Amino acid sequence: MGRGKITIKRIDNSTSRQVTFSKRREGLLKKAKELAILCDAQVGVNIFSSTNKLYGFSNSRLCSKRISYLK
């Protein structure tokens, strides 16, 4: 049995929204790391929160420079 589908829309409750953001952010960064390892690809991910805080992942020096420039 698979998971049920959800409708993609803004979460009204701010606490639930923050928890969802944190969980999905970690999942996205994990997938980026896996892609970099499995496919030997240069991967860079930048994520800005609603409070304009920057989260990022990079596995190469070029992507790392771009992330540090944004901070």
PDB file of N, CA and C in Angstrom:
ATOM      1  N   MET A   1       0.845  -1.180   0.000  1.00  0.00           N
ATOM      2  CA  MET A   1       0.000   0.000   0.000  1.00  0.00           C
ATOM      3  C   MET A   1       0.888   1.240   0.000  1.00  0.00           C
ATOM      4  N   GLY A   2       0.596   2.177  -0.889  1.00  0.00           N
ATOM      5  CA  GLY A   2       1.389   3.394  -0.992  1.00  0.00           C
ATOM      6  C   GLY A   2       0.857   4.498  -0.100  1.00  0.00           C
ATOM      7  N   ARG A   3       1.587   5.577  -0.113  1.00  0.00           N
ATOM      8  CA  ARG A   3       1.156   6.735   0.664  1.00  0.00           C
ATOM      9  C   ARG A   3       0.052   7.478  -0.071  1.00  0.00           C
ATOM     10  N   GLY A   4      -0.783   8.168   0.679  1.00  0.00           N
ATOM     11  CA  GLY A   4      -1.852   8.943   0.071  1.00  0.00           C
ATOM     12  C   GLY A   4      -1.322  10.230  -0.533  1.00  0.00           C
ATOM     13  N   LYS A   5      -2.007  10.738  -1.516  1.00  0.00           N
ATOM     14  CA  LYS A   5      -1.598  11.986  -2.150  1.00  0.00           C
ATOM     15  C   LYS A   5      -2.023  13.166  -1.292  1.00  0.00           C
ATOM     16  N   ILE A   6      -1.196  14.197  -1.314  1.00  0.00           N
ATOM     17  CA  ILE A   6      -1.553  15.436  -0.625  1.00  0.00           C
ATOM     18  C   ILE A   6      -1.695  16.539  -1.659  1.00  0.00           C
ATOM     19  N   THR A   7      -2.477  17.516  -1.343  1.00  0.00           N
ATOM     20  CA  THR A   7      -2.582  18.670  -2.231  1.00  0.00           C
ATOM     21  C   THR A   7      -1.484  19.651  -1.830  1.00  0.00           C
ATOM     22  N   ILE A   8      -0.787  20.157  -2.825  1.00  0.00           N
ATOM     23  CA  ILE A   8       0.297  21.094  -2.572  1.00  0.00           C
ATOM     24  C   ILE A   8      -0.300  22.495  -2.468  1.00  0.00           C
ATOM     25  N   LYS A   9      -0.296  23.015  -1.270  1.00  0.00           N
ATOM     26  CA  LYS A   9      -0.775  24.365  -1.013  1.00  0.00           C
ATOM     27  C   LYS A   9      -0.054  24.883   0.228  1.00  0.00           C
ATOM     28  N   ARG A  10      -0.131  26.161   0.461  1.00  0.00           N
ATOM     29  CA  ARG A  10       0.540  26.778   1.603  1.00  0.00           C
ATOM     30  C   ARG A  10      -0.071  26.270   2.902  1.00  0.00           C
ATOM     31  N   ILE A  11       0.801  25.975   3.873  1.00  0.00           N
ATOM     32  CA  ILE A  11       0.334  25.511   5.182  1.00  0.00           C
ATOM     33  C   ILE A  11       0.048  26.739   6.028  1.00  0.00           C
ATOM     34  N   ASP A  12      -1.168  26.843   6.527  1.00  0.00           N
ATOM     35  CA  ASP A  12      -1.576  28.037   7.267  1.00  0.00           C
ATOM     36  C   ASP A  12      -0.962  28.122   8.665  1.00  0.00           C
ATOM     37  N   ASN A  13      -0.860  27.005   9.350  1.00  0.00           N
ATOM     38  CA  ASN A  13      -0.309  26.978  10.697  1.00  0.00           C
ATOM     39  C   ASN A  13       1.203  27.179  10.628  1.00  0.00           C
ATOM     40  N   SER A  14       1.721  28.238  11.272  1.00  0.00           N
ATOM     41  CA  SER A  14       3.142  28.568  11.151  1.00  0.00           C
ATOM     42  C   SER A  14       4.047  27.507  11.768  1.00  0.00           C
ATOM     43  N   THR A  15       3.613  26.880  12.847  1.00  0.00           N
ATOM     44  CA  THR A  15       4.426  25.830  13.472  1.00  0.00           C
ATOM     45  C   THR A  15       4.521  24.614  12.560  1.00  0.00           C
ATOM     46  N   SER A  16       3.406  24.200  12.007  1.00  0.00           N
ATOM     47  CA  SER A  16       3.398  23.068  11.084  1.00  0.00           C
ATOM     48  C   SER A  16       4.212  23.385   9.830  1.00  0.00           C
ATOM     49  N   ARG A  17       4.108  24.625   9.370  1.00  0.00           N
ATOM     50  CA  ARG A  17       4.858  25.037   8.189  1.00  0.00           C
ATOM     51  C   ARG A  17       6.359  24.954   8.439  1.00  0.00           C
ATOM     52  N   GLN A  18       6.816  25.391   9.612  1.00  0.00           N
ATOM     53  CA  GLN A  18       8.239  25.348   9.944  1.00  0.00           C
ATOM     54  C   GLN A  18       8.735  23.912  10.077  1.00  0.00           C
ATOM     55  N   VAL A  19       7.940  23.052  10.696  1.00  0.00           N
ATOM     56  CA  VAL A  19       8.322  21.643  10.835  1.00  0.00           C
ATOM     57  C   VAL A  19       8.423  20.989   9.464  1.00  0.00           C
ATOM     58  N   THR A  20       7.450  21.249   8.603  1.00  0.00           N
ATOM     59  CA  THR A  20       7.465  20.688   7.253  1.00  0.00           C
ATOM     60  C   THR A  20       8.660  21.193   6.472  1.00  0.00           C
ATOM     61  N   PHE A  21       8.964  22.484   6.600  1.00  0.00           N
ATOM     62  CA  PHE A  21      10.122  23.052   5.913  1.00  0.00           C
ATOM     63  C   PHE A  21      11.398  22.353   6.350  1.00  0.00           C
ATOM     64  N   SER A  22      11.571  22.170   7.651  1.00  0.00           N
ATOM     65  CA  SER A  22      12.782  21.530   8.173  1.00  0.00           C
ATOM     66  C   SER A  22      12.929  20.099   7.668  1.00  0.00           C
ATOM     67  N   LYS A  23      11.845  19.343   7.701  1.00  0.00           N
ATOM     68  CA  LYS A  23      11.897  17.956   7.247  1.00  0.00           C
ATOM     69  C   LYS A  23      12.185  17.869   5.754  1.00  0.00           C
ATOM     70  N   ARG A  24      11.493  18.668   4.975  1.00  0.00           N
ATOM     71  CA  ARG A  24      11.694  18.619   3.526  1.00  0.00           C
ATOM     72  C   ARG A  24      13.057  19.170   3.117  1.00  0.00           C
ATOM     73  N   ARG A  25      13.554  20.152   3.850  1.00  0.00           N
ATOM     74  CA  ARG A  25      14.894  20.691   3.589  1.00  0.00           C
ATOM     75  C   ARG A  25      15.947  19.607   3.780  1.00  0.00           C
ATOM     76  N   GLU A  26      15.854  18.885   4.893  1.00  0.00           N
ATOM     77  CA  GLU A  26      16.809  17.810   5.154  1.00  0.00           C
ATOM     78  C   GLU A  26      16.709  16.710   4.097  1.00  0.00           C
ATOM     79  N   GLY A  27      15.484  16.394   3.674  1.00  0.00           N
ATOM     80  CA  GLY A  27      15.302  15.380   2.637  1.00  0.00           C
ATOM     81  C   GLY A  27      15.904  15.808   1.311  1.00  0.00           C
ATOM     82  N   LEU A  28      15.714  17.077   0.957  1.00  0.00           N
ATOM     83  CA  LEU A  28      16.259  17.586  -0.297  1.00  0.00           C
ATOM     84  C   LEU A  28      17.782  17.602  -0.272  1.00  0.00           C
ATOM     85  N   LEU A  29      18.375  18.025   0.842  1.00  0.00           N
ATOM     86  CA  LEU A  29      19.833  18.043   0.951  1.00  0.00           C
ATOM     87  C   LEU A  29      20.399  16.619   0.921  1.00  0.00           C
ATOM     88  N   LYS A  30      19.694  15.674   1.527  1.00  0.00           N
ATOM     89  CA  LYS A  30      20.130  14.280   1.498  1.00  0.00           C
ATOM     90  C   LYS A  30      20.117  13.745   0.071  1.00  0.00           C
ATOM     91  N   LYS A  31      19.068  14.054  -0.680  1.00  0.00           N
ATOM     92  CA  LYS A  31      18.991  13.609  -2.074  1.00  0.00           C
ATOM     93  C   LYS A  31      20.096  14.240  -2.921  1.00  0.00           C
ATOM     94  N   ALA A  32      20.431  15.503  -2.652  1.00  0.00           N
ATOM     95  CA  ALA A  32      21.511  16.163  -3.387  1.00  0.00           C
ATOM     96  C   ALA A  32      22.843  15.471  -3.115  1.00  0.00           C
ATOM     97  N   LYS A  33      23.093  15.110  -1.856  1.00  0.00           N
ATOM     98  CA  LYS A  33      24.326  14.397  -1.508  1.00  0.00           C
ATOM     99  C   LYS A  33      24.382  13.044  -2.199  1.00  0.00           C
ATOM    100  N   GLU A  34      23.261  12.328  -2.199  1.00  0.00           N
ATOM    101  CA  GLU A  34      23.211  11.020  -2.841  1.00  0.00           C
ATOM    102  C   GLU A  34      23.461  11.133  -4.338  1.00  0.00           C
ATOM    103  N   LEU A  35      22.877  12.141  -4.979  1.00  0.00           N
ATOM    104  CA  LEU A  35      23.073  12.345  -6.410  1.00  0.00           C
ATOM    105  C   LEU A  35      24.538  12.619  -6.719  1.00  0.00           C
ATOM    106  N   ALA A  36      25.173  13.434  -5.886  1.00  0.00           N
ATOM    107  CA  ALA A  36      26.584  13.757  -6.091  1.00  0.00           C
ATOM    108  C   ALA A  36      27.454  12.505  -5.978  1.00  0.00           C
ATOM    109  N   ILE A  37      27.155  11.653  -5.019  1.00  0.00           N
ATOM    110  CA  ILE A  37      27.961  10.446  -4.804  1.00  0.00           C
ATOM    111  C   ILE A  37      27.695   9.407  -5.884  1.00  0.00           C
ATOM    112  N   LEU A  38      26.427   9.111  -6.133  1.00  0.00           N
ATOM    113  CA  LEU A  38      26.081   8.046  -7.068  1.00  0.00           C
ATOM    114  C   LEU A  38      26.460   8.359  -8.508  1.00  0.00           C
ATOM    115  N   CYS A  39      26.287   9.607  -8.930  1.00  0.00           N
ATOM    116  CA  CYS A  39      26.492   9.962 -10.331  1.00  0.00           C
ATOM    117  C   CYS A  39      27.777  10.749 -10.565  1.00  0.00           C
ATOM    118  N   ASP A  40      28.565  10.950  -9.525  1.00  0.00           N
ATOM    119  CA  ASP A  40      29.797  11.727  -9.625  1.00  0.00           C
ATOM    120  C   ASP A  40      29.519  13.078 -10.298  1.00  0.00           C
ATOM    121  N   ALA A  41      28.448  13.724  -9.850  1.00  0.00           N
ATOM    122  CA  ALA A  41      28.015  14.994 -10.427  1.00  0.00           C
ATOM    123  C   ALA A  41      28.388  16.146  -9.501  1.00  0.00           C
ATOM    124  N   GLN A  42      28.544  17.320 -10.074  1.00  0.00           N
ATOM    125  CA  GLN A  42      28.746  18.520  -9.279  1.00  0.00           C
ATOM    126  C   GLN A  42      27.362  19.069  -8.934  1.00  0.00           C
ATOM    127  N   VAL A  43      27.076  19.097  -7.656  1.00  0.00           N
ATOM    128  CA  VAL A  43      25.739  19.476  -7.200  1.00  0.00           C
ATOM    129  C   VAL A  43      25.852  20.636  -6.227  1.00  0.00           C
ATOM    130  N   GLY A  44      25.008  21.616  -6.419  1.00  0.00           N
ATOM    131  CA  GLY A  44      24.899  22.730  -5.490  1.00  0.00           C
ATOM    132  C   GLY A  44      23.441  23.059  -5.271  1.00  0.00           C
ATOM    133  N   VAL A  45      23.043  23.209  -4.010  1.00  0.00           N
ATOM    134  CA  VAL A  45      21.652  23.508  -3.674  1.00  0.00           C
ATOM    135  C   VAL A  45      21.621  24.688  -2.714  1.00  0.00           C
ATOM    136  N   ASN A  46      20.813  25.680  -3.013  1.00  0.00           N
ATOM    137  CA  ASN A  46      20.585  26.809  -2.120  1.00  0.00           C
ATOM    138  C   ASN A  46      19.114  26.830  -1.749  1.00  0.00           C
ATOM    139  N   ILE A  47      18.836  26.966  -0.455  1.00  0.00           N
ATOM    140  CA  ILE A  47      17.459  27.021   0.026  1.00  0.00           C
ATOM    141  C   ILE A  47      17.341  28.228   0.954  1.00  0.00           C
ATOM    142  N   PHE A  48      16.398  29.100   0.674  1.00  0.00           N
ATOM    143  CA  PHE A  48      16.135  30.251   1.527  1.00  0.00           C
ATOM    144  C   PHE A  48      14.847  30.004   2.298  1.00  0.00           C
ATOM    145  N   SER A  49      14.886  30.202   3.605  1.00  0.00           N
ATOM    146  CA  SER A  49      13.688  30.041   4.425  1.00  0.00           C
ATOM    147  C   SER A  49      12.831  31.297   4.316  1.00  0.00           C
ATOM    148  N   SER A  50      11.674  31.255   4.935  1.00  0.00           N
ATOM    149  CA  SER A  50      10.784  32.424   4.912  1.00  0.00           C
ATOM    150  C   SER A  50      11.369  33.587   5.712  1.00  0.00           C
ATOM    151  N   THR A  51      12.353  33.295   6.573  1.00  0.00           N
ATOM    152  CA  THR A  51      13.039  34.351   7.338  1.00  0.00           C
ATOM    153  C   THR A  51      14.343  34.760   6.665  1.00  0.00           C
ATOM    154  N   ASN A  52      14.512  34.370   5.391  1.00  0.00           N
ATOM    155  CA  ASN A  52      15.682  34.682   4.573  1.00  0.00           C
ATOM    156  C   ASN A  52      16.977  34.083   5.094  1.00  0.00           C
ATOM    157  N   LYS A  53      16.885  32.970   5.794  1.00  0.00           N
ATOM    158  CA  LYS A  53      18.080  32.249   6.219  1.00  0.00           C
ATOM    159  C   LYS A  53      18.464  31.288   5.095  1.00  0.00           C
ATOM    160  N   LEU A  54      19.765  31.230   4.819  1.00  0.00           N
ATOM    161  CA  LEU A  54      20.258  30.420   3.711  1.00  0.00           C
ATOM    162  C   LEU A  54      20.753  29.063   4.211  1.00  0.00           C
ATOM    163  N   TYR A  55      20.315  28.014   3.533  1.00  0.00           N
ATOM    164  CA  TYR A  55      20.799  26.666   3.775  1.00  0.00           C
ATOM    165  C   TYR A  55      21.344  26.165   2.450  1.00  0.00           C
ATOM    166  N   GLY A  56      22.461  25.450   2.497  1.00  0.00           N
ATOM    167  CA  GLY A  56      23.015  24.997   1.235  1.00  0.00           C
ATOM    168  C   GLY A  56      23.853  23.757   1.356  1.00  0.00           C
ATOM    169  N   PHE A  57      24.074  23.152   0.206  1.00  0.00           N
ATOM    170  CA  PHE A  57      24.953  22.000   0.073  1.00  0.00           C
ATOM    171  C   PHE A  57      25.724  22.156  -1.215  1.00  0.00           C
ATOM    172  N   SER A  58      27.000  21.805  -1.174  1.00  0.00           N
ATOM    173  CA  SER A  58      27.820  21.806  -2.368  1.00  0.00           C
ATOM    174  C   SER A  58      28.876  20.729  -2.233  1.00  0.00           C
ATOM    175  N   ASN A  59      29.159  20.045  -3.321  1.00  0.00           N
ATOM    176  CA  ASN A  59      30.213  19.044  -3.279  1.00  0.00           C
ATOM    177  C   ASN A  59      31.408  19.438  -4.133  1.00  0.00           C
ATOM    178  N   SER A  60      31.414  20.654  -4.659  1.00  0.00           N
ATOM    179  CA  SER A  60      32.562  21.106  -5.438  1.00  0.00           C
ATOM    180  C   SER A  60      32.941  22.517  -5.008  1.00  0.00           C
ATOM    181  N   ARG A  61      34.161  22.878  -5.306  1.00  0.00           N
ATOM    182  CA  ARG A  61      34.657  24.187  -4.897  1.00  0.00           C
ATOM    183  C   ARG A  61      33.895  25.314  -5.595  1.00  0.00           C
ATOM    184  N   LEU A  62      33.563  25.126  -6.867  1.00  0.00           N
ATOM    185  CA  LEU A  62      32.839  26.160  -7.607  1.00  0.00           C
ATOM    186  C   LEU A  62      31.480  26.438  -6.989  1.00  0.00           C
ATOM    187  N   CYS A  63      30.730  25.395  -6.703  1.00  0.00           N
ATOM    188  CA  CYS A  63      29.410  25.562  -6.080  1.00  0.00           C
ATOM    189  C   CYS A  63      29.549  26.135  -4.678  1.00  0.00           C
ATOM    190  N   SER A  64      30.599  25.727  -3.980  1.00  0.00           N
ATOM    191  CA  SER A  64      30.825  26.207  -2.624  1.00  0.00           C
ATOM    192  C   SER A  64      31.066  27.709  -2.608  1.00  0.00           C
ATOM    193  N   LYS A  65      31.794  28.210  -3.604  1.00  0.00           N
ATOM    194  CA  LYS A  65      32.047  29.652  -3.695  1.00  0.00           C
ATOM    195  C   LYS A  65      30.745  30.411  -3.909  1.00  0.00           C
ATOM    196  N   ARG A  66      29.867  29.872  -4.723  1.00  0.00           N
ATOM    197  CA  ARG A  66      28.585  30.538  -4.973  1.00  0.00           C
ATOM    198  C   ARG A  66      27.741  30.587  -3.710  1.00  0.00           C
ATOM    199  N   ILE A  67      27.730  29.513  -2.937  1.00  0.00           N
ATOM    200  CA  ILE A  67      26.955  29.471  -1.704  1.00  0.00           C
ATOM    201  C   ILE A  67      27.524  30.463  -0.702  1.00  0.00           C
ATOM    202  N   SER A  68      28.856  30.515  -0.556  1.00  0.00           N
ATOM    203  CA  SER A  68      29.454  31.438   0.402  1.00  0.00           C
ATOM    204  C   SER A  68      29.250  32.884  -0.046  1.00  0.00           C
ATOM    205  N   TYR A  69      29.179  33.130  -1.363  1.00  0.00           N
ATOM    206  CA  TYR A  69      28.910  34.481  -1.860  1.00  0.00           C
ATOM    207  C   TYR A  69      27.517  34.950  -1.457  1.00  0.00           C
ATOM    208  N   LEU A  70      26.559  34.038  -1.462  1.00  0.00           N
ATOM    209  CA  LEU A  70      25.188  34.396  -1.093  1.00  0.00           C
ATOM    210  C   LEU A  70      25.045  34.705   0.391  1.00  0.00           C
ATOM    211  N   LYS A  71      25.886  34.104   1.222  1.00  0.00           N
ATOM    212  CA  LYS A  71      25.808  34.347   2.662  1.00  0.00           C
ATOM    213  C   LYS A  71      26.349  35.705   2.930  1.00  0.00           C
TER     214      LYS A  71
END
